[in-house]
Structures are given as C-alpha cells and as structure tokens.
Amino acid sequence: DRVNSFFDEAARHGFITSDEIPEIR
C-alpha cells in the first residue's frame, strides 16, 4: 500500500530514474 508513493517520491527528488523503478511497480 505504501511502496508506490515511496518510489514516486524517490524519482521526483532525483534519487532514481523512472527506469530504475521496479517493473512490477
């Protein structure tokens, strides 16, 4: 339930790229 927003925020702050978000997400 919470992991989606975590990855979105990490990408928004530039810690990861959109390509690095797990495919299942």
PDBML (XML) file of the C-alpha atoms, coordinates in Angstrom:
<?xml version="1.0" encoding="UTF-8" ?>
<PDBx:datablock datablockName="MODEL"
   xmlns:PDBx="http://pdbml.pdb.org/schema/pdbx-v50.xsd"
   xmlns:xsi="http://www.w3.org/2001/XMLSchema-instance"
   xsi:schemaLocation="http://pdbml.pdb.org/schema/pdbx-v50.xsd pdbx-v50.xsd">
   <PDBx:atom_siteCategory>
      <PDBx:atom_site id="1">
         <PDBx:B_iso_or_equiv>0.00</PDBx:B_iso_or_equiv>
         <PDBx:Cartn_x>0.000</PDBx:Cartn_x>
         <PDBx:Cartn_y>0.000</PDBx:Cartn_y>
         <PDBx:Cartn_z>0.000</PDBx:Cartn_z>
         <PDBx:auth_asym_id>A</PDBx:auth_asym_id>
         <PDBx:auth_atom_id>CA</PDBx:auth_atom_id>
         <PDBx:auth_comp_id>ASP</PDBx:auth_comp_id>
         <PDBx:auth_seq_id>1</PDBx:auth_seq_id>
         <PDBx:group_PDB>ATOM</PDBx:group_PDB>
         <PDBx:label_alt_id xsi:nil="true" />
         <PDBx:label_asym_id>A</PDBx:label_asym_id>
         <PDBx:label_atom_id>CA</PDBx:label_atom_id>
         <PDBx:label_comp_id>ASP</PDBx:label_comp_id>
         <PDBx:label_entity_id>1</PDBx:label_entity_id>
         <PDBx:label_seq_id>1</PDBx:label_seq_id>
         <PDBx:occupancy>1.00</PDBx:occupancy>
         <PDBx:pdbx_PDB_model_num>1</PDBx:pdbx_PDB_model_num>
         <PDBx:type_symbol>C</PDBx:type_symbol>
      </PDBx:atom_site>
      <PDBx:atom_site id="2">
         <PDBx:B_iso_or_equiv>0.00</PDBx:B_iso_or_equiv>
         <PDBx:Cartn_x>2.863</PDBx:Cartn_x>
         <PDBx:Cartn_y>2.416</PDBx:Cartn_y>
         <PDBx:Cartn_z>0.747</PDBx:Cartn_z>
         <PDBx:auth_asym_id>A</PDBx:auth_asym_id>
         <PDBx:auth_atom_id>CA</PDBx:auth_atom_id>
         <PDBx:auth_comp_id>ARG</PDBx:auth_comp_id>
         <PDBx:auth_seq_id>2</PDBx:auth_seq_id>
         <PDBx:group_PDB>ATOM</PDBx:group_PDB>
         <PDBx:label_alt_id xsi:nil="true" />
         <PDBx:label_asym_id>A</PDBx:label_asym_id>
         <PDBx:label_atom_id>CA</PDBx:label_atom_id>
         <PDBx:label_comp_id>ARG</PDBx:label_comp_id>
         <PDBx:label_entity_id>1</PDBx:label_entity_id>
         <PDBx:label_seq_id>2</PDBx:label_seq_id>
         <PDBx:occupancy>1.00</PDBx:occupancy>
         <PDBx:pdbx_PDB_model_num>1</PDBx:pdbx_PDB_model_num>
         <PDBx:type_symbol>C</PDBx:type_symbol>
      </PDBx:atom_site>
      <PDBx:atom_site id="3">
         <PDBx:B_iso_or_equiv>0.00</PDBx:B_iso_or_equiv>
         <PDBx:Cartn_x>5.660</PDBx:Cartn_x>
         <PDBx:Cartn_y>1.433</PDBx:Cartn_y>
         <PDBx:Cartn_z>-1.584</PDBx:Cartn_z>
         <PDBx:auth_asym_id>A</PDBx:auth_asym_id>
         <PDBx:auth_atom_id>CA</PDBx:auth_atom_id>
         <PDBx:auth_comp_id>VAL</PDBx:auth_comp_id>
         <PDBx:auth_seq_id>3</PDBx:auth_seq_id>
         <PDBx:group_PDB>ATOM</PDBx:group_PDB>
         <PDBx:label_alt_id xsi:nil="true" />
         <PDBx:label_asym_id>A</PDBx:label_asym_id>
         <PDBx:label_atom_id>CA</PDBx:label_atom_id>
         <PDBx:label_comp_id>VAL</PDBx:label_comp_id>
         <PDBx:label_entity_id>1</PDBx:label_entity_id>
         <PDBx:label_seq_id>3</PDBx:label_seq_id>
         <PDBx:occupancy>1.00</PDBx:occupancy>
         <PDBx:pdbx_PDB_model_num>1</PDBx:pdbx_PDB_model_num>
         <PDBx:type_symbol>C</PDBx:type_symbol>
      </PDBx:atom_site>
      <PDBx:atom_site id="4">
         <PDBx:B_iso_or_equiv>0.00</PDBx:B_iso_or_equiv>
         <PDBx:Cartn_x>4.200</PDBx:Cartn_x>
         <PDBx:Cartn_y>3.160</PDBx:Cartn_y>
         <PDBx:Cartn_z>-4.641</PDBx:Cartn_z>
         <PDBx:auth_asym_id>A</PDBx:auth_asym_id>
         <PDBx:auth_atom_id>CA</PDBx:auth_atom_id>
         <PDBx:auth_comp_id>ASN</PDBx:auth_comp_id>
         <PDBx:auth_seq_id>4</PDBx:auth_seq_id>
         <PDBx:group_PDB>ATOM</PDBx:group_PDB>
         <PDBx:label_alt_id xsi:nil="true" />
         <PDBx:label_asym_id>A</PDBx:label_asym_id>
         <PDBx:label_atom_id>CA</PDBx:label_atom_id>
         <PDBx:label_comp_id>ASN</PDBx:label_comp_id>
         <PDBx:label_entity_id>1</PDBx:label_entity_id>
         <PDBx:label_seq_id>4</PDBx:label_seq_id>
         <PDBx:occupancy>1.00</PDBx:occupancy>
         <PDBx:pdbx_PDB_model_num>1</PDBx:pdbx_PDB_model_num>
         <PDBx:type_symbol>C</PDBx:type_symbol>
      </PDBx:atom_site>
      <PDBx:atom_site id="5">
         <PDBx:B_iso_or_equiv>0.00</PDBx:B_iso_or_equiv>
         <PDBx:Cartn_x>4.412</PDBx:Cartn_x>
         <PDBx:Cartn_y>6.636</PDBx:Cartn_y>
         <PDBx:Cartn_z>-3.140</PDBx:Cartn_z>
         <PDBx:auth_asym_id>A</PDBx:auth_asym_id>
         <PDBx:auth_atom_id>CA</PDBx:auth_atom_id>
         <PDBx:auth_comp_id>SER</PDBx:auth_comp_id>
         <PDBx:auth_seq_id>5</PDBx:auth_seq_id>
         <PDBx:group_PDB>ATOM</PDBx:group_PDB>
         <PDBx:label_alt_id xsi:nil="true" />
         <PDBx:label_asym_id>A</PDBx:label_asym_id>
         <PDBx:label_atom_id>CA</PDBx:label_atom_id>
         <PDBx:label_comp_id>SER</PDBx:label_comp_id>
         <PDBx:label_entity_id>1</PDBx:label_entity_id>
         <PDBx:label_seq_id>5</PDBx:label_seq_id>
         <PDBx:occupancy>1.00</PDBx:occupancy>
         <PDBx:pdbx_PDB_model_num>1</PDBx:pdbx_PDB_model_num>
         <PDBx:type_symbol>C</PDBx:type_symbol>
      </PDBx:atom_site>
      <PDBx:atom_site id="6">
         <PDBx:B_iso_or_equiv>0.00</PDBx:B_iso_or_equiv>
         <PDBx:Cartn_x>7.937</PDBx:Cartn_x>
         <PDBx:Cartn_y>5.913</PDBx:Cartn_y>
         <PDBx:Cartn_z>-1.891</PDBx:Cartn_z>
         <PDBx:auth_asym_id>A</PDBx:auth_asym_id>
         <PDBx:auth_atom_id>CA</PDBx:auth_atom_id>
         <PDBx:auth_comp_id>PHE</PDBx:auth_comp_id>
         <PDBx:auth_seq_id>6</PDBx:auth_seq_id>
         <PDBx:group_PDB>ATOM</PDBx:group_PDB>
         <PDBx:label_alt_id xsi:nil="true" />
         <PDBx:label_asym_id>A</PDBx:label_asym_id>
         <PDBx:label_atom_id>CA</PDBx:label_atom_id>
         <PDBx:label_comp_id>PHE</PDBx:label_comp_id>
         <PDBx:label_entity_id>1</PDBx:label_entity_id>
         <PDBx:label_seq_id>6</PDBx:label_seq_id>
         <PDBx:occupancy>1.00</PDBx:occupancy>
         <PDBx:pdbx_PDB_model_num>1</PDBx:pdbx_PDB_model_num>
         <PDBx:type_symbol>C</PDBx:type_symbol>
      </PDBx:atom_site>
      <PDBx:atom_site id="7">
         <PDBx:B_iso_or_equiv>0.00</PDBx:B_iso_or_equiv>
         <PDBx:Cartn_x>9.252</PDBx:Cartn_x>
         <PDBx:Cartn_y>5.109</PDBx:Cartn_y>
         <PDBx:Cartn_z>-5.369</PDBx:Cartn_z>
         <PDBx:auth_asym_id>A</PDBx:auth_asym_id>
         <PDBx:auth_atom_id>CA</PDBx:auth_atom_id>
         <PDBx:auth_comp_id>PHE</PDBx:auth_comp_id>
         <PDBx:auth_seq_id>7</PDBx:auth_seq_id>
         <PDBx:group_PDB>ATOM</PDBx:group_PDB>
         <PDBx:label_alt_id xsi:nil="true" />
         <PDBx:label_asym_id>A</PDBx:label_asym_id>
         <PDBx:label_atom_id>CA</PDBx:label_atom_id>
         <PDBx:label_comp_id>PHE</PDBx:label_comp_id>
         <PDBx:label_entity_id>1</PDBx:label_entity_id>
         <PDBx:label_seq_id>7</PDBx:label_seq_id>
         <PDBx:occupancy>1.00</PDBx:occupancy>
         <PDBx:pdbx_PDB_model_num>1</PDBx:pdbx_PDB_model_num>
         <PDBx:type_symbol>C</PDBx:type_symbol>
      </PDBx:atom_site>
      <PDBx:atom_site id="8">
         <PDBx:B_iso_or_equiv>0.00</PDBx:B_iso_or_equiv>
         <PDBx:Cartn_x>7.391</PDBx:Cartn_x>
         <PDBx:Cartn_y>8.068</PDBx:Cartn_y>
         <PDBx:Cartn_z>-6.851</PDBx:Cartn_z>
         <PDBx:auth_asym_id>A</PDBx:auth_asym_id>
         <PDBx:auth_atom_id>CA</PDBx:auth_atom_id>
         <PDBx:auth_comp_id>ASP</PDBx:auth_comp_id>
         <PDBx:auth_seq_id>8</PDBx:auth_seq_id>
         <PDBx:group_PDB>ATOM</PDBx:group_PDB>
         <PDBx:label_alt_id xsi:nil="true" />
         <PDBx:label_asym_id>A</PDBx:label_asym_id>
         <PDBx:label_atom_id>CA</PDBx:label_atom_id>
         <PDBx:label_comp_id>ASP</PDBx:label_comp_id>
         <PDBx:label_entity_id>1</PDBx:label_entity_id>
         <PDBx:label_seq_id>8</PDBx:label_seq_id>
         <PDBx:occupancy>1.00</PDBx:occupancy>
         <PDBx:pdbx_PDB_model_num>1</PDBx:pdbx_PDB_model_num>
         <PDBx:type_symbol>C</PDBx:type_symbol>
      </PDBx:atom_site>
      <PDBx:atom_site id="9">
         <PDBx:B_iso_or_equiv>0.00</PDBx:B_iso_or_equiv>
         <PDBx:Cartn_x>8.987</PDBx:Cartn_x>
         <PDBx:Cartn_y>10.440</PDBx:Cartn_y>
         <PDBx:Cartn_z>-4.352</PDBx:Cartn_z>
         <PDBx:auth_asym_id>A</PDBx:auth_asym_id>
         <PDBx:auth_atom_id>CA</PDBx:auth_atom_id>
         <PDBx:auth_comp_id>GLU</PDBx:auth_comp_id>
         <PDBx:auth_seq_id>9</PDBx:auth_seq_id>
         <PDBx:group_PDB>ATOM</PDBx:group_PDB>
         <PDBx:label_alt_id xsi:nil="true" />
         <PDBx:label_asym_id>A</PDBx:label_asym_id>
         <PDBx:label_atom_id>CA</PDBx:label_atom_id>
         <PDBx:label_comp_id>GLU</PDBx:label_comp_id>
         <PDBx:label_entity_id>1</PDBx:label_entity_id>
         <PDBx:label_seq_id>9</PDBx:label_seq_id>
         <PDBx:occupancy>1.00</PDBx:occupancy>
         <PDBx:pdbx_PDB_model_num>1</PDBx:pdbx_PDB_model_num>
         <PDBx:type_symbol>C</PDBx:type_symbol>
      </PDBx:atom_site>
      <PDBx:atom_site id="10">
         <PDBx:B_iso_or_equiv>0.00</PDBx:B_iso_or_equiv>
         <PDBx:Cartn_x>12.448</PDBx:Cartn_x>
         <PDBx:Cartn_y>8.936</PDBx:Cartn_y>
         <PDBx:Cartn_z>-4.834</PDBx:Cartn_z>
         <PDBx:auth_asym_id>A</PDBx:auth_asym_id>
         <PDBx:auth_atom_id>CA</PDBx:auth_atom_id>
         <PDBx:auth_comp_id>ALA</PDBx:auth_comp_id>
         <PDBx:auth_seq_id>10</PDBx:auth_seq_id>
         <PDBx:group_PDB>ATOM</PDBx:group_PDB>
         <PDBx:label_alt_id xsi:nil="true" />
         <PDBx:label_asym_id>A</PDBx:label_asym_id>
         <PDBx:label_atom_id>CA</PDBx:label_atom_id>
         <PDBx:label_comp_id>ALA</PDBx:label_comp_id>
         <PDBx:label_entity_id>1</PDBx:label_entity_id>
         <PDBx:label_seq_id>10</PDBx:label_seq_id>
         <PDBx:occupancy>1.00</PDBx:occupancy>
         <PDBx:pdbx_PDB_model_num>1</PDBx:pdbx_PDB_model_num>
         <PDBx:type_symbol>C</PDBx:type_symbol>
      </PDBx:atom_site>
      <PDBx:atom_site id="11">
         <PDBx:B_iso_or_equiv>0.00</PDBx:B_iso_or_equiv>
         <PDBx:Cartn_x>12.124</PDBx:Cartn_x>
         <PDBx:Cartn_y>9.535</PDBx:Cartn_y>
         <PDBx:Cartn_z>-8.575</PDBx:Cartn_z>
         <PDBx:auth_asym_id>A</PDBx:auth_asym_id>
         <PDBx:auth_atom_id>CA</PDBx:auth_atom_id>
         <PDBx:auth_comp_id>ALA</PDBx:auth_comp_id>
         <PDBx:auth_seq_id>11</PDBx:auth_seq_id>
         <PDBx:group_PDB>ATOM</PDBx:group_PDB>
         <PDBx:label_alt_id xsi:nil="true" />
         <PDBx:label_asym_id>A</PDBx:label_asym_id>
         <PDBx:label_atom_id>CA</PDBx:label_atom_id>
         <PDBx:label_comp_id>ALA</PDBx:label_comp_id>
         <PDBx:label_entity_id>1</PDBx:label_entity_id>
         <PDBx:label_seq_id>11</PDBx:label_seq_id>
         <PDBx:occupancy>1.00</PDBx:occupancy>
         <PDBx:pdbx_PDB_model_num>1</PDBx:pdbx_PDB_model_num>
         <PDBx:type_symbol>C</PDBx:type_symbol>
      </PDBx:atom_site>
      <PDBx:atom_site id="12">
         <PDBx:B_iso_or_equiv>0.00</PDBx:B_iso_or_equiv>
         <PDBx:Cartn_x>10.734</PDBx:Cartn_x>
         <PDBx:Cartn_y>13.048</PDBx:Cartn_y>
         <PDBx:Cartn_z>-8.043</PDBx:Cartn_z>
         <PDBx:auth_asym_id>A</PDBx:auth_asym_id>
         <PDBx:auth_atom_id>CA</PDBx:auth_atom_id>
         <PDBx:auth_comp_id>ARG</PDBx:auth_comp_id>
         <PDBx:auth_seq_id>12</PDBx:auth_seq_id>
         <PDBx:group_PDB>ATOM</PDBx:group_PDB>
         <PDBx:label_alt_id xsi:nil="true" />
         <PDBx:label_asym_id>A</PDBx:label_asym_id>
         <PDBx:label_atom_id>CA</PDBx:label_atom_id>
         <PDBx:label_comp_id>ARG</PDBx:label_comp_id>
         <PDBx:label_entity_id>1</PDBx:label_entity_id>
         <PDBx:label_seq_id>12</PDBx:label_seq_id>
         <PDBx:occupancy>1.00</PDBx:occupancy>
         <PDBx:pdbx_PDB_model_num>1</PDBx:pdbx_PDB_model_num>
         <PDBx:type_symbol>C</PDBx:type_symbol>
      </PDBx:atom_site>
      <PDBx:atom_site id="13">
         <PDBx:B_iso_or_equiv>0.00</PDBx:B_iso_or_equiv>
         <PDBx:Cartn_x>13.766</PDBx:Cartn_x>
         <PDBx:Cartn_y>14.005</PDBx:Cartn_y>
         <PDBx:Cartn_z>-5.932</PDBx:Cartn_z>
         <PDBx:auth_asym_id>A</PDBx:auth_asym_id>
         <PDBx:auth_atom_id>CA</PDBx:auth_atom_id>
         <PDBx:auth_comp_id>HIS</PDBx:auth_comp_id>
         <PDBx:auth_seq_id>13</PDBx:auth_seq_id>
         <PDBx:group_PDB>ATOM</PDBx:group_PDB>
         <PDBx:label_alt_id xsi:nil="true" />
         <PDBx:label_asym_id>A</PDBx:label_asym_id>
         <PDBx:label_atom_id>CA</PDBx:label_atom_id>
         <PDBx:label_comp_id>HIS</PDBx:label_comp_id>
         <PDBx:label_entity_id>1</PDBx:label_entity_id>
         <PDBx:label_seq_id>13</PDBx:label_seq_id>
         <PDBx:occupancy>1.00</PDBx:occupancy>
         <PDBx:pdbx_PDB_model_num>1</PDBx:pdbx_PDB_model_num>
         <PDBx:type_symbol>C</PDBx:type_symbol>
      </PDBx:atom_site>
      <PDBx:atom_site id="14">
         <PDBx:B_iso_or_equiv>0.00</PDBx:B_iso_or_equiv>
         <PDBx:Cartn_x>16.137</PDBx:Cartn_x>
         <PDBx:Cartn_y>12.522</PDBx:Cartn_y>
         <PDBx:Cartn_z>-8.499</PDBx:Cartn_z>
         <PDBx:auth_asym_id>A</PDBx:auth_asym_id>
         <PDBx:auth_atom_id>CA</PDBx:auth_atom_id>
         <PDBx:auth_comp_id>GLY</PDBx:auth_comp_id>
         <PDBx:auth_seq_id>14</PDBx:auth_seq_id>
         <PDBx:group_PDB>ATOM</PDBx:group_PDB>
         <PDBx:label_alt_id xsi:nil="true" />
         <PDBx:label_asym_id>A</PDBx:label_asym_id>
         <PDBx:label_atom_id>CA</PDBx:label_atom_id>
         <PDBx:label_comp_id>GLY</PDBx:label_comp_id>
         <PDBx:label_entity_id>1</PDBx:label_entity_id>
         <PDBx:label_seq_id>14</PDBx:label_seq_id>
         <PDBx:occupancy>1.00</PDBx:occupancy>
         <PDBx:pdbx_PDB_model_num>1</PDBx:pdbx_PDB_model_num>
         <PDBx:type_symbol>C</PDBx:type_symbol>
      </PDBx:atom_site>
      <PDBx:atom_site id="15">
         <PDBx:B_iso_or_equiv>0.00</PDBx:B_iso_or_equiv>
         <PDBx:Cartn_x>17.454</PDBx:Cartn_x>
         <PDBx:Cartn_y>9.673</PDBx:Cartn_y>
         <PDBx:Cartn_z>-6.356</PDBx:Cartn_z>
         <PDBx:auth_asym_id>A</PDBx:auth_asym_id>
         <PDBx:auth_atom_id>CA</PDBx:auth_atom_id>
         <PDBx:auth_comp_id>PHE</PDBx:auth_comp_id>
         <PDBx:auth_seq_id>15</PDBx:auth_seq_id>
         <PDBx:group_PDB>ATOM</PDBx:group_PDB>
         <PDBx:label_alt_id xsi:nil="true" />
         <PDBx:label_asym_id>A</PDBx:label_asym_id>
         <PDBx:label_atom_id>CA</PDBx:label_atom_id>
         <PDBx:label_comp_id>PHE</PDBx:label_comp_id>
         <PDBx:label_entity_id>1</PDBx:label_entity_id>
         <PDBx:label_seq_id>15</PDBx:label_seq_id>
         <PDBx:occupancy>1.00</PDBx:occupancy>
         <PDBx:pdbx_PDB_model_num>1</PDBx:pdbx_PDB_model_num>
         <PDBx:type_symbol>C</PDBx:type_symbol>
      </PDBx:atom_site>
      <PDBx:atom_site id="16">
         <PDBx:B_iso_or_equiv>0.00</PDBx:B_iso_or_equiv>
         <PDBx:Cartn_x>16.410</PDBx:Cartn_x>
         <PDBx:Cartn_y>7.168</PDBx:Cartn_y>
         <PDBx:Cartn_z>-9.017</PDBx:Cartn_z>
         <PDBx:auth_asym_id>A</PDBx:auth_asym_id>
         <PDBx:auth_atom_id>CA</PDBx:auth_atom_id>
         <PDBx:auth_comp_id>ILE</PDBx:auth_comp_id>
         <PDBx:auth_seq_id>16</PDBx:auth_seq_id>
         <PDBx:group_PDB>ATOM</PDBx:group_PDB>
         <PDBx:label_alt_id xsi:nil="true" />
         <PDBx:label_asym_id>A</PDBx:label_asym_id>
         <PDBx:label_atom_id>CA</PDBx:label_atom_id>
         <PDBx:label_comp_id>ILE</PDBx:label_comp_id>
         <PDBx:label_entity_id>1</PDBx:label_entity_id>
         <PDBx:label_seq_id>16</PDBx:label_seq_id>
         <PDBx:occupancy>1.00</PDBx:occupancy>
         <PDBx:pdbx_PDB_model_num>1</PDBx:pdbx_PDB_model_num>
         <PDBx:type_symbol>C</PDBx:type_symbol>
      </PDBx:atom_site>
      <PDBx:atom_site id="17">
         <PDBx:B_iso_or_equiv>0.00</PDBx:B_iso_or_equiv>
         <PDBx:Cartn_x>15.297</PDBx:Cartn_x>
         <PDBx:Cartn_y>7.355</PDBx:Cartn_y>
         <PDBx:Cartn_z>-12.634</PDBx:Cartn_z>
         <PDBx:auth_asym_id>A</PDBx:auth_asym_id>
         <PDBx:auth_atom_id>CA</PDBx:auth_atom_id>
         <PDBx:auth_comp_id>THR</PDBx:auth_comp_id>
         <PDBx:auth_seq_id>17</PDBx:auth_seq_id>
         <PDBx:group_PDB>ATOM</PDBx:group_PDB>
         <PDBx:label_alt_id xsi:nil="true" />
         <PDBx:label_asym_id>A</PDBx:label_asym_id>
         <PDBx:label_atom_id>CA</PDBx:label_atom_id>
         <PDBx:label_comp_id>THR</PDBx:label_comp_id>
         <PDBx:label_entity_id>1</PDBx:label_entity_id>
         <PDBx:label_seq_id>17</PDBx:label_seq_id>
         <PDBx:occupancy>1.00</PDBx:occupancy>
         <PDBx:pdbx_PDB_model_num>1</PDBx:pdbx_PDB_model_num>
         <PDBx:type_symbol>C</PDBx:type_symbol>
      </PDBx:atom_site>
      <PDBx:atom_site id="18">
         <PDBx:B_iso_or_equiv>0.00</PDBx:B_iso_or_equiv>
         <PDBx:Cartn_x>11.935</PDBx:Cartn_x>
         <PDBx:Cartn_y>6.168</PDBx:Cartn_y>
         <PDBx:Cartn_z>-13.869</PDBx:Cartn_z>
         <PDBx:auth_asym_id>A</PDBx:auth_asym_id>
         <PDBx:auth_atom_id>CA</PDBx:auth_atom_id>
         <PDBx:auth_comp_id>SER</PDBx:auth_comp_id>
         <PDBx:auth_seq_id>18</PDBx:auth_seq_id>
         <PDBx:group_PDB>ATOM</PDBx:group_PDB>
         <PDBx:label_alt_id xsi:nil="true" />
         <PDBx:label_asym_id>A</PDBx:label_asym_id>
         <PDBx:label_atom_id>CA</PDBx:label_atom_id>
         <PDBx:label_comp_id>SER</PDBx:label_comp_id>
         <PDBx:label_entity_id>1</PDBx:label_entity_id>
         <PDBx:label_seq_id>18</PDBx:label_seq_id>
         <PDBx:occupancy>1.00</PDBx:occupancy>
         <PDBx:pdbx_PDB_model_num>1</PDBx:pdbx_PDB_model_num>
         <PDBx:type_symbol>C</PDBx:type_symbol>
      </PDBx:atom_site>
      <PDBx:atom_site id="19">
         <PDBx:B_iso_or_equiv>0.00</PDBx:B_iso_or_equiv>
         <PDBx:Cartn_x>13.732</PDBx:Cartn_x>
         <PDBx:Cartn_y>3.221</PDBx:Cartn_y>
         <PDBx:Cartn_z>-15.481</PDBx:Cartn_z>
         <PDBx:auth_asym_id>A</PDBx:auth_asym_id>
         <PDBx:auth_atom_id>CA</PDBx:auth_atom_id>
         <PDBx:auth_comp_id>ASP</PDBx:auth_comp_id>
         <PDBx:auth_seq_id>19</PDBx:auth_seq_id>
         <PDBx:group_PDB>ATOM</PDBx:group_PDB>
         <PDBx:label_alt_id xsi:nil="true" />
         <PDBx:label_asym_id>A</PDBx:label_asym_id>
         <PDBx:label_atom_id>CA</PDBx:label_atom_id>
         <PDBx:label_comp_id>ASP</PDBx:label_comp_id>
         <PDBx:label_entity_id>1</PDBx:label_entity_id>
         <PDBx:label_seq_id>19</PDBx:label_seq_id>
         <PDBx:occupancy>1.00</PDBx:occupancy>
         <PDBx:pdbx_PDB_model_num>1</PDBx:pdbx_PDB_model_num>
         <PDBx:type_symbol>C</PDBx:type_symbol>
      </PDBx:atom_site>
      <PDBx:atom_site id="20">
         <PDBx:B_iso_or_equiv>0.00</PDBx:B_iso_or_equiv>
         <PDBx:Cartn_x>15.027</PDBx:Cartn_x>
         <PDBx:Cartn_y>2.136</PDBx:Cartn_y>
         <PDBx:Cartn_z>-12.074</PDBx:Cartn_z>
         <PDBx:auth_asym_id>A</PDBx:auth_asym_id>
         <PDBx:auth_atom_id>CA</PDBx:auth_atom_id>
         <PDBx:auth_comp_id>GLU</PDBx:auth_comp_id>
         <PDBx:auth_seq_id>20</PDBx:auth_seq_id>
         <PDBx:group_PDB>ATOM</PDBx:group_PDB>
         <PDBx:label_alt_id xsi:nil="true" />
         <PDBx:label_asym_id>A</PDBx:label_asym_id>
         <PDBx:label_atom_id>CA</PDBx:label_atom_id>
         <PDBx:label_comp_id>GLU</PDBx:label_comp_id>
         <PDBx:label_entity_id>1</PDBx:label_entity_id>
         <PDBx:label_seq_id>20</PDBx:label_seq_id>
         <PDBx:occupancy>1.00</PDBx:occupancy>
         <PDBx:pdbx_PDB_model_num>1</PDBx:pdbx_PDB_model_num>
         <PDBx:type_symbol>C</PDBx:type_symbol>
      </PDBx:atom_site>
      <PDBx:atom_site id="21">
         <PDBx:B_iso_or_equiv>0.00</PDBx:B_iso_or_equiv>
         <PDBx:Cartn_x>11.541</PDBx:Cartn_x>
         <PDBx:Cartn_y>1.777</PDBx:Cartn_y>
         <PDBx:Cartn_z>-10.626</PDBx:Cartn_z>
         <PDBx:auth_asym_id>A</PDBx:auth_asym_id>
         <PDBx:auth_atom_id>CA</PDBx:auth_atom_id>
         <PDBx:auth_comp_id>ILE</PDBx:auth_comp_id>
         <PDBx:auth_seq_id>21</PDBx:auth_seq_id>
         <PDBx:group_PDB>ATOM</PDBx:group_PDB>
         <PDBx:label_alt_id xsi:nil="true" />
         <PDBx:label_asym_id>A</PDBx:label_asym_id>
         <PDBx:label_atom_id>CA</PDBx:label_atom_id>
         <PDBx:label_comp_id>ILE</PDBx:label_comp_id>
         <PDBx:label_entity_id>1</PDBx:label_entity_id>
         <PDBx:label_seq_id>21</PDBx:label_seq_id>
         <PDBx:occupancy>1.00</PDBx:occupancy>
         <PDBx:pdbx_PDB_model_num>1</PDBx:pdbx_PDB_model_num>
         <PDBx:type_symbol>C</PDBx:type_symbol>
      </PDBx:atom_site>
      <PDBx:atom_site id="22">
         <PDBx:B_iso_or_equiv>0.00</PDBx:B_iso_or_equiv>
         <PDBx:Cartn_x>10.804</PDBx:Cartn_x>
         <PDBx:Cartn_y>-1.963</PDBx:Cartn_y>
         <PDBx:Cartn_z>-10.335</PDBx:Cartn_z>
         <PDBx:auth_asym_id>A</PDBx:auth_asym_id>
         <PDBx:auth_atom_id>CA</PDBx:auth_atom_id>
         <PDBx:auth_comp_id>PRO</PDBx:auth_comp_id>
         <PDBx:auth_seq_id>22</PDBx:auth_seq_id>
         <PDBx:group_PDB>ATOM</PDBx:group_PDB>
         <PDBx:label_alt_id xsi:nil="true" />
         <PDBx:label_asym_id>A</PDBx:label_asym_id>
         <PDBx:label_atom_id>CA</PDBx:label_atom_id>
         <PDBx:label_comp_id>PRO</PDBx:label_comp_id>
         <PDBx:label_entity_id>1</PDBx:label_entity_id>
         <PDBx:label_seq_id>22</PDBx:label_seq_id>
         <PDBx:occupancy>1.00</PDBx:occupancy>
         <PDBx:pdbx_PDB_model_num>1</PDBx:pdbx_PDB_model_num>
         <PDBx:type_symbol>C</PDBx:type_symbol>
      </PDBx:atom_site>
      <PDBx:atom_site id="23">
         <PDBx:B_iso_or_equiv>0.00</PDBx:B_iso_or_equiv>
         <PDBx:Cartn_x>8.796</PDBx:Cartn_x>
         <PDBx:Cartn_y>-3.236</PDBx:Cartn_y>
         <PDBx:Cartn_z>-13.289</PDBx:Cartn_z>
         <PDBx:auth_asym_id>A</PDBx:auth_asym_id>
         <PDBx:auth_atom_id>CA</PDBx:auth_atom_id>
         <PDBx:auth_comp_id>GLU</PDBx:auth_comp_id>
         <PDBx:auth_seq_id>23</PDBx:auth_seq_id>
         <PDBx:group_PDB>ATOM</PDBx:group_PDB>
         <PDBx:label_alt_id xsi:nil="true" />
         <PDBx:label_asym_id>A</PDBx:label_asym_id>
         <PDBx:label_atom_id>CA</PDBx:label_atom_id>
         <PDBx:label_comp_id>GLU</PDBx:label_comp_id>
         <PDBx:label_entity_id>1</PDBx:label_entity_id>
         <PDBx:label_seq_id>23</PDBx:label_seq_id>
         <PDBx:occupancy>1.00</PDBx:occupancy>
         <PDBx:pdbx_PDB_model_num>1</PDBx:pdbx_PDB_model_num>
         <PDBx:type_symbol>C</PDBx:type_symbol>
      </PDBx:atom_site>
      <PDBx:atom_site id="24">
         <PDBx:B_iso_or_equiv>0.00</PDBx:B_iso_or_equiv>
         <PDBx:Cartn_x>6.152</PDBx:Cartn_x>
         <PDBx:Cartn_y>-4.679</PDBx:Cartn_y>
         <PDBx:Cartn_z>-11.013</PDBx:Cartn_z>
         <PDBx:auth_asym_id>A</PDBx:auth_asym_id>
         <PDBx:auth_atom_id>CA</PDBx:auth_atom_id>
         <PDBx:auth_comp_id>ILE</PDBx:auth_comp_id>
         <PDBx:auth_seq_id>24</PDBx:auth_seq_id>
         <PDBx:group_PDB>ATOM</PDBx:group_PDB>
         <PDBx:label_alt_id xsi:nil="true" />
         <PDBx:label_asym_id>A</PDBx:label_asym_id>
         <PDBx:label_atom_id>CA</PDBx:label_atom_id>
         <PDBx:label_comp_id>ILE</PDBx:label_comp_id>
         <PDBx:label_entity_id>1</PDBx:label_entity_id>
         <PDBx:label_seq_id>24</PDBx:label_seq_id>
         <PDBx:occupancy>1.00</PDBx:occupancy>
         <PDBx:pdbx_PDB_model_num>1</PDBx:pdbx_PDB_model_num>
         <PDBx:type_symbol>C</PDBx:type_symbol>
      </PDBx:atom_site>
      <PDBx:atom_site id="25">
         <PDBx:B_iso_or_equiv>0.00</PDBx:B_iso_or_equiv>
         <PDBx:Cartn_x>5.579</PDBx:Cartn_x>
         <PDBx:Cartn_y>-1.150</PDBx:Cartn_y>
         <PDBx:Cartn_z>-9.687</PDBx:Cartn_z>
         <PDBx:auth_asym_id>A</PDBx:auth_asym_id>
         <PDBx:auth_atom_id>CA</PDBx:auth_atom_id>
         <PDBx:auth_comp_id>ARG</PDBx:auth_comp_id>
         <PDBx:auth_seq_id>25</PDBx:auth_seq_id>
         <PDBx:group_PDB>ATOM</PDBx:group_PDB>
         <PDBx:label_alt_id xsi:nil="true" />
         <PDBx:label_asym_id>A</PDBx:label_asym_id>
         <PDBx:label_atom_id>CA</PDBx:label_atom_id>
         <PDBx:label_comp_id>ARG</PDBx:label_comp_id>
         <PDBx:label_entity_id>1</PDBx:label_entity_id>
         <PDBx:label_seq_id>25</PDBx:label_seq_id>
         <PDBx:occupancy>1.00</PDBx:occupancy>
         <PDBx:pdbx_PDB_model_num>1</PDBx:pdbx_PDB_model_num>
         <PDBx:type_symbol>C</PDBx:type_symbol>
      </PDBx:atom_site>
   </PDBx:atom_siteCategory>
</PDBx:datablock>
